């Protein structure tokens, strides 16, 4: 591939814009290079959204929100609840908040946090989800799970989608941390699992 010219570089610096429908919700997105899956909703996120159950008044948390597709969809599906989105990347947080404004979603916000480390400990959630990054360390995965368990209300659910290579690790660690594990679907590339705070 030849080096890009000035016009191509300028085009790459512009925001990427697209629209999609997730769980029946029409959403507009503005993204940029450097954020996960900037040109389209990834298949793992789409599979996760298709399988989760969310009450209209659920308070939700999206860990590793990127530019916001999961959290924004949760906020639309739970209009009487509040959705918090967190990411350790400041650009992701900026675009997630920008996309909430773009779509008129007033019951969701994004903030900078390394996992759940910077979230007010008093906040409790009915539903926590994550499209867990495959490159995260084992230590980070354990922190996500233990911190999620601590922040869930009794009966609250933790939903996760991972690449199939992490399927067995996730089954084992969810059983360790939550005491239960439910594989909701295993596709060719991704597995969606759920655990409940009992």
C-alpha atoms as a PDB file:
ATOM      1  CA  UNK A   1       0.000   0.000   0.000  1.00  0.00           C
ATOM      2  CA  UNK A   2       1.501   3.346  -1.018  1.00  0.00           C
ATOM      3  CA  UNK A   3       1.790   6.135   1.533  1.00  0.00           C
ATOM      4  CA  UNK A   4      -1.459   8.138   1.745  1.00  0.00           C
ATOM      5  CA  UNK A   5      -1.559  11.627   0.265  1.00  0.00           C
ATOM      6  CA  UNK A   6      -2.584  14.763   2.172  1.00  0.00           C
ATOM      7  CA  UNK A   7      -6.233  14.496   1.101  1.00  0.00           C
ATOM      8  CA  UNK A   8      -6.466  10.912   2.360  1.00  0.00           C
ATOM      9  CA  UNK A   9      -4.875  11.859   5.682  1.00  0.00           C
ATOM     10  CA  UNK A  10      -7.317  14.730   6.072  1.00  0.00           C
ATOM     11  CA  UNK A  11     -10.239  12.387   5.387  1.00  0.00           C
ATOM     12  CA  UNK A  12      -8.958   9.910   7.982  1.00  0.00           C
ATOM     13  CA  UNK A  13      -8.895  12.706  10.577  1.00  0.00           C
ATOM     14  CA  UNK A  14     -12.600  13.392  10.078  1.00  0.00           C
ATOM     15  CA  UNK A  15     -15.146  11.663  12.288  1.00  0.00           C
ATOM     16  CA  UNK A  16     -16.568   8.393  10.983  1.00  0.00           C
ATOM     17  CA  UNK A  17     -20.371   8.466  10.933  1.00  0.00           C
ATOM     18  CA  UNK A  18     -22.858   5.637  10.517  1.00  0.00           C
ATOM     19  CA  UNK A  19     -26.298   4.510  11.659  1.00  0.00           C
ATOM     20  CA  UNK A  20     -27.495   1.125  12.852  1.00  0.00           C
ATOM     21  CA  UNK A  21     -30.445  -0.539  14.556  1.00  0.00           C
ATOM     22  CA  UNK A  22     -29.699  -2.437  17.774  1.00  0.00           C
ATOM     23  CA  UNK A  23     -32.476  -4.338  19.564  1.00  0.00           C
ATOM     24  CA  UNK A  24     -35.007  -2.327  17.568  1.00  0.00           C
ATOM     25  CA  UNK A  25     -33.391   1.002  18.486  1.00  0.00           C
ATOM     26  CA  UNK A  26     -32.258   3.257  15.639  1.00  0.00           C
ATOM     27  CA  UNK A  27     -29.006   4.940  16.618  1.00  0.00           C
ATOM     28  CA  UNK A  28     -26.535   7.328  15.027  1.00  0.00           C
ATOM     29  CA  UNK A  29     -22.832   7.027  15.788  1.00  0.00           C
ATOM     30  CA  UNK A  30     -19.849   9.318  15.444  1.00  0.00           C
ATOM     31  CA  UNK A  31     -16.500   7.574  15.943  1.00  0.00           C
ATOM     32  CA  UNK A  32     -12.830   7.921  15.140  1.00  0.00           C
ATOM     33  CA  UNK A  33      -9.803   5.739  14.380  1.00  0.00           C
ATOM     34  CA  UNK A  34      -8.206   4.342  17.529  1.00  0.00           C
ATOM     35  CA  UNK A  35     -11.502   3.375  19.181  1.00  0.00           C
ATOM     36  CA  UNK A  36     -12.606  -0.266  18.933  1.00  0.00           C
ATOM     37  CA  UNK A  37     -14.570  -1.149  15.775  1.00  0.00           C
ATOM     38  CA  UNK A  38     -15.015   2.437  14.532  1.00  0.00           C
ATOM     39  CA  UNK A  39     -16.736   1.733  11.214  1.00  0.00           C
ATOM     40  CA  UNK A  40     -19.482  -0.684  12.300  1.00  0.00           C
ATOM     41  CA  UNK A  41     -20.947  -2.467  15.306  1.00  0.00           C
ATOM     42  CA  UNK A  42     -18.883  -5.594  15.911  1.00  0.00           C
ATOM     43  CA  UNK A  43     -20.552  -9.006  15.821  1.00  0.00           C
ATOM     44  CA  UNK A  44     -19.775  -9.750  19.477  1.00  0.00           C
ATOM     45  CA  UNK A  45     -21.602  -6.640  20.695  1.00  0.00           C
ATOM     46  CA  UNK A  46     -24.568  -7.385  18.453  1.00  0.00           C
ATOM     47  CA  UNK A  47     -24.804 -10.974  19.741  1.00  0.00           C
ATOM     48  CA  UNK A  48     -24.598  -9.795  23.354  1.00  0.00           C
ATOM     49  CA  UNK A  49     -27.387  -7.239  22.886  1.00  0.00           C
ATOM     50  CA  UNK A  50     -29.634  -9.804  21.219  1.00  0.00           C
ATOM     51  CA  UNK A  51     -29.426 -12.159  24.209  1.00  0.00           C
ATOM     52  CA  UNK A  52     -29.687  -9.988  27.292  1.00  0.00           C
ATOM     53  CA  UNK A  53     -32.833  -9.342  29.309  1.00  0.00           C
ATOM     54  CA  UNK A  54     -33.272  -5.826  30.661  1.00  0.00           C
ATOM     55  CA  UNK A  55     -36.146  -4.383  32.701  1.00  0.00           C
ATOM     56  CA  UNK A  56     -37.470  -0.908  31.756  1.00  0.00           C
ATOM     57  CA  UNK A  57     -36.325   0.505  35.111  1.00  0.00           C
ATOM     58  CA  UNK A  58     -32.935  -1.225  35.285  1.00  0.00           C
ATOM     59  CA  UNK A  59     -29.830   0.663  36.367  1.00  0.00           C
ATOM     60  CA  UNK A  60     -27.096  -0.538  34.029  1.00  0.00           C
ATOM     61  CA  UNK A  61     -23.317  -0.418  33.705  1.00  0.00           C
ATOM     62  CA  UNK A  62     -21.312  -0.913  30.517  1.00  0.00           C
ATOM     63  CA  UNK A  63     -17.633  -1.708  31.207  1.00  0.00           C
ATOM     64  CA  UNK A  64     -15.322  -0.776  28.328  1.00  0.00           C
ATOM     65  CA  UNK A  65     -17.998   1.214  26.519  1.00  0.00           C
ATOM     66  CA  UNK A  66     -16.024   2.407  23.505  1.00  0.00           C
ATOM     67  CA  UNK A  67     -18.107   4.982  21.636  1.00  0.00           C
ATOM     68  CA  UNK A  68     -21.235   3.756  23.401  1.00  0.00           C
ATOM     69  CA  UNK A  69     -23.323   1.292  21.362  1.00  0.00           C
ATOM     70  CA  UNK A  70     -23.985  -1.160  24.208  1.00  0.00           C
ATOM     71  CA  UNK A  71     -24.672   1.445  26.884  1.00  0.00           C
ATOM     72  CA  UNK A  72     -26.816   3.590  24.620  1.00  0.00           C
ATOM     73  CA  UNK A  73     -28.942   0.594  23.658  1.00  0.00           C
ATOM     74  CA  UNK A  74     -29.347  -0.313  27.348  1.00  0.00           C
ATOM     75  CA  UNK A  75     -30.426   3.253  28.114  1.00  0.00           C
ATOM     76  CA  UNK A  76     -33.079   3.075  25.397  1.00  0.00           C
ATOM     77  CA  UNK A  77     -34.316  -0.343  26.610  1.00  0.00           C
ATOM     78  CA  UNK A  78     -34.380   0.834  30.250  1.00  0.00           C
ATOM     79  CA  UNK A  79     -35.766   4.387  29.952  1.00  0.00           C
ATOM     80  CA  UNK A  80     -36.793   4.529  33.612  1.00  0.00           C
ATOM     81  CA  UNK A  81     -33.294   3.554  34.809  1.00  0.00           C
ATOM     82  CA  UNK A  82     -29.864   5.141  34.574  1.00  0.00           C
ATOM     83  CA  UNK A  83     -27.015   3.736  32.503  1.00  0.00           C
ATOM     84  CA  UNK A  84     -23.378   4.417  33.307  1.00  0.00           C
ATOM     85  CA  UNK A  85     -20.715   3.731  30.699  1.00  0.00           C
ATOM     86  CA  UNK A  86     -17.032   3.534  31.588  1.00  0.00           C
ATOM     87  CA  UNK A  87     -13.842   3.241  29.592  1.00  0.00           C
ATOM     88  CA  UNK A  88     -10.162   3.794  30.349  1.00  0.00           C
ATOM     89  CA  UNK A  89      -9.708   5.607  27.013  1.00  0.00           C
ATOM     90  CA  UNK A  90     -10.537   9.323  27.186  1.00  0.00           C
ATOM     91  CA  UNK A  91     -11.435   9.439  23.497  1.00  0.00           C
ATOM     92  CA  UNK A  92     -13.959   6.615  23.937  1.00  0.00           C
ATOM     93  CA  UNK A  93     -15.587   8.495  26.836  1.00  0.00           C
ATOM     94  CA  UNK A  94     -15.725  11.705  24.814  1.00  0.00           C
ATOM     95  CA  UNK A  95     -17.371   9.992  21.834  1.00  0.00           C
ATOM     96  CA  UNK A  96     -19.792   7.987  24.011  1.00  0.00           C
ATOM     97  CA  UNK A  97     -21.047  11.205  25.635  1.00  0.00           C
ATOM     98  CA  UNK A  98     -21.180  12.915  22.260  1.00  0.00           C
ATOM     99  CA  UNK A  99     -23.228  10.018  20.826  1.00  0.00           C
ATOM    100  CA  UNK A 100     -25.673  10.150  23.752  1.00  0.00           C
ATOM    101  CA  UNK A 101     -26.260  13.834  22.962  1.00  0.00           C
ATOM    102  CA  UNK A 102     -26.515  13.086  19.238  1.00  0.00           C
ATOM    103  CA  UNK A 103     -29.306  10.576  19.939  1.00  0.00           C
ATOM    104  CA  UNK A 104     -31.093  12.567  22.654  1.00  0.00           C
ATOM    105  CA  UNK A 105     -30.338   9.937  25.315  1.00  0.00           C
ATOM    106  CA  UNK A 106     -30.570  11.710  28.657  1.00  0.00           C
ATOM    107  CA  UNK A 107     -30.405   8.715  30.996  1.00  0.00           C
ATOM    108  CA  UNK A 108     -26.869   7.609  30.097  1.00  0.00           C
ATOM    109  CA  UNK A 109     -23.441   9.110  30.627  1.00  0.00           C
ATOM    110  CA  UNK A 110     -19.863   7.993  30.144  1.00  0.00           C
ATOM    111  CA  UNK A 111     -16.939   8.524  32.486  1.00  0.00           C
ATOM    112  CA  UNK A 112     -13.274   7.658  32.625  1.00  0.00           C
ATOM    113  CA  UNK A 113     -12.524   4.612  34.781  1.00  0.00           C
ATOM    114  CA  UNK A 114     -10.112   1.713  34.754  1.00  0.00           C
ATOM    115  CA  UNK A 115     -12.708  -1.042  35.017  1.00  0.00           C
ATOM    116  CA  UNK A 116     -14.822  -0.157  38.052  1.00  0.00           C
ATOM    117  CA  UNK A 117     -11.927   1.422  39.948  1.00  0.00           C
ATOM    118  CA  UNK A 118     -13.100   5.055  39.664  1.00  0.00           C
ATOM    119  CA  UNK A 119     -16.859   4.522  40.089  1.00  0.00           C
ATOM    120  CA  UNK A 120     -18.577   5.696  43.266  1.00  0.00           C
ATOM    121  CA  UNK A 121     -18.704   2.556  45.483  1.00  0.00           C
ATOM    122  CA  UNK A 122     -22.226   3.482  46.590  1.00  0.00           C
ATOM    123  CA  UNK A 123     -23.610   2.978  43.078  1.00  0.00           C
ATOM    124  CA  UNK A 124     -25.345  -0.387  42.605  1.00  0.00           C
ATOM    125  CA  UNK A 125     -26.617  -1.888  39.367  1.00  0.00           C
ATOM    126  CA  UNK A 126     -29.279  -4.321  38.177  1.00  0.00           C
ATOM    127  CA  UNK A 127     -27.301  -5.247  35.078  1.00  0.00           C
ATOM    128  CA  UNK A 128     -23.622  -5.050  34.195  1.00  0.00           C
ATOM    129  CA  UNK A 129     -22.305  -6.020  30.779  1.00  0.00           C
ATOM    130  CA  UNK A 130     -19.020  -6.032  28.958  1.00  0.00           C
ATOM    131  CA  UNK A 131     -17.573  -6.945  25.619  1.00  0.00           C
ATOM    132  CA  UNK A 132     -14.391  -8.086  27.341  1.00  0.00           C
ATOM    133  CA  UNK A 133     -11.196  -7.316  25.442  1.00  0.00           C
ATOM    134  CA  UNK A 134      -9.337 -10.477  24.533  1.00  0.00           C
ATOM    135  CA  UNK A 135      -6.019  -8.783  25.236  1.00  0.00           C
ATOM    136  CA  UNK A 136      -6.868  -7.954  28.851  1.00  0.00           C
ATOM    137  CA  UNK A 137      -4.775  -9.818  31.415  1.00  0.00           C
ATOM    138  CA  UNK A 138      -6.066 -12.600  33.640  1.00  0.00           C
ATOM    139  CA  UNK A 139      -5.644 -10.232  36.600  1.00  0.00           C
ATOM    140  CA  UNK A 140      -7.786  -7.598  34.901  1.00  0.00           C
ATOM    141  CA  UNK A 141     -10.517 -10.122  34.110  1.00  0.00           C
ATOM    142  CA  UNK A 142     -10.647 -11.210  37.762  1.00  0.00           C
ATOM    143  CA  UNK A 143     -10.845  -7.576  38.918  1.00  0.00           C
ATOM    144  CA  UNK A 144     -13.725  -6.925  36.479  1.00  0.00           C
ATOM    145  CA  UNK A 145     -15.629  -9.944  37.803  1.00  0.00           C
ATOM    146  CA  UNK A 146     -15.086  -9.425  41.533  1.00  0.00           C
ATOM    147  CA  UNK A 147     -15.800  -5.684  41.259  1.00  0.00           C
ATOM    148  CA  UNK A 148     -18.936  -6.377  39.217  1.00  0.00           C
ATOM    149  CA  UNK A 149     -20.212  -8.856  41.801  1.00  0.00           C
ATOM    150  CA  UNK A 150     -19.709  -6.237  44.535  1.00  0.00           C
ATOM    151  CA  UNK A 151     -21.625  -3.583  42.554  1.00  0.00           C
ATOM    152  CA  UNK A 152     -24.609  -5.717  41.536  1.00  0.00           C
ATOM    153  CA  UNK A 153     -27.859  -5.542  43.472  1.00  0.00           C
ATOM    154  CA  UNK A 154     -29.144  -8.925  44.762  1.00  0.00           C
ATOM    155  CA  UNK A 155     -30.555 -10.769  41.747  1.00  0.00           C
ATOM    156  CA  UNK A 156     -28.530  -8.561  39.413  1.00  0.00           C
ATOM    157  CA  UNK A 157     -26.971 -10.058  36.306  1.00  0.00           C
ATOM    158  CA  UNK A 158     -23.549  -9.840  34.714  1.00  0.00           C
ATOM    159  CA  UNK A 159     -23.491 -10.435  30.948  1.00  0.00           C
ATOM    160  CA  UNK A 160     -20.290 -10.884  28.988  1.00  0.00           C
ATOM    161  CA  UNK A 161     -19.257 -11.650  25.424  1.00  0.00           C
ATOM    162  CA  UNK A 162     -15.794 -13.032  24.698  1.00  0.00           C
ATOM    163  CA  UNK A 163     -14.002 -14.659  21.826  1.00  0.00           C
ATOM    164  CA  UNK A 164     -14.341 -18.444  21.952  1.00  0.00           C
ATOM    165  CA  UNK A 165     -10.707 -18.778  23.011  1.00  0.00           C
ATOM    166  CA  UNK A 166     -11.687 -17.330  26.415  1.00  0.00           C
ATOM    167  CA  UNK A 167     -14.857 -19.430  26.755  1.00  0.00           C
ATOM    168  CA  UNK A 168     -13.495 -22.032  29.169  1.00  0.00           C
ATOM    169  CA  UNK A 169     -11.620 -19.449  31.253  1.00  0.00           C
ATOM    170  CA  UNK A 170     -14.787 -17.378  31.566  1.00  0.00           C
ATOM    171  CA  UNK A 171     -16.910 -20.398  32.508  1.00  0.00           C
ATOM    172  CA  UNK A 172     -14.443 -21.345  35.232  1.00  0.00           C
ATOM    173  CA  UNK A 173     -13.956 -17.845  36.632  1.00  0.00           C
ATOM    174  CA  UNK A 174     -17.672 -16.944  36.641  1.00  0.00           C
ATOM    175  CA  UNK A 175     -18.330 -20.124  38.646  1.00  0.00           C
ATOM    176  CA  UNK A 176     -15.480 -19.192  40.999  1.00  0.00           C
ATOM    177  CA  UNK A 177     -16.583 -15.591  41.509  1.00  0.00           C
ATOM    178  CA  UNK A 178     -20.393 -15.743  41.212  1.00  0.00           C
ATOM    179  CA  UNK A 179     -20.988 -19.395  42.049  1.00  0.00           C
ATOM    180  CA  UNK A 180     -22.961 -19.851  38.837  1.00  0.00           C
ATOM    181  CA  UNK A 181     -22.566 -19.659  35.064  1.00  0.00           C
ATOM    182  CA  UNK A 182     -24.984 -19.804  32.159  1.00  0.00           C
ATOM    183  CA  UNK A 183     -23.727 -20.055  28.574  1.00  0.00           C
ATOM    184  CA  UNK A 184     -26.408 -18.246  26.567  1.00  0.00           C
ATOM    185  CA  UNK A 185     -24.966 -18.824  23.101  1.00  0.00           C
ATOM    186  CA  UNK A 186     -21.797 -19.993  21.431  1.00  0.00           C
ATOM    187  CA  UNK A 187     -21.302 -18.843  17.867  1.00  0.00           C
ATOM    188  CA  UNK A 188     -18.455 -19.443  15.453  1.00  0.00           C
ATOM    189  CA  UNK A 189     -16.337 -16.673  16.978  1.00  0.00           C
ATOM    190  CA  UNK A 190     -18.021 -15.405  20.154  1.00  0.00           C
ATOM    191  CA  UNK A 191     -19.617 -16.803  23.302  1.00  0.00           C
ATOM    192  CA  UNK A 192     -22.138 -14.921  25.445  1.00  0.00           C
ATOM    193  CA  UNK A 193     -22.400 -15.896  29.116  1.00  0.00           C
ATOM    194  CA  UNK A 194     -24.323 -14.671  32.135  1.00  0.00           C
ATOM    195  CA  UNK A 195     -23.926 -14.968  35.910  1.00  0.00           C
ATOM    196  CA  UNK A 196     -26.303 -13.818  38.629  1.00  0.00           C
ATOM    197  CA  UNK A 197     -25.704 -12.353  42.079  1.00  0.00           C
ATOM    198  CA  UNK A 198     -27.599 -14.701  44.377  1.00  0.00           C
END
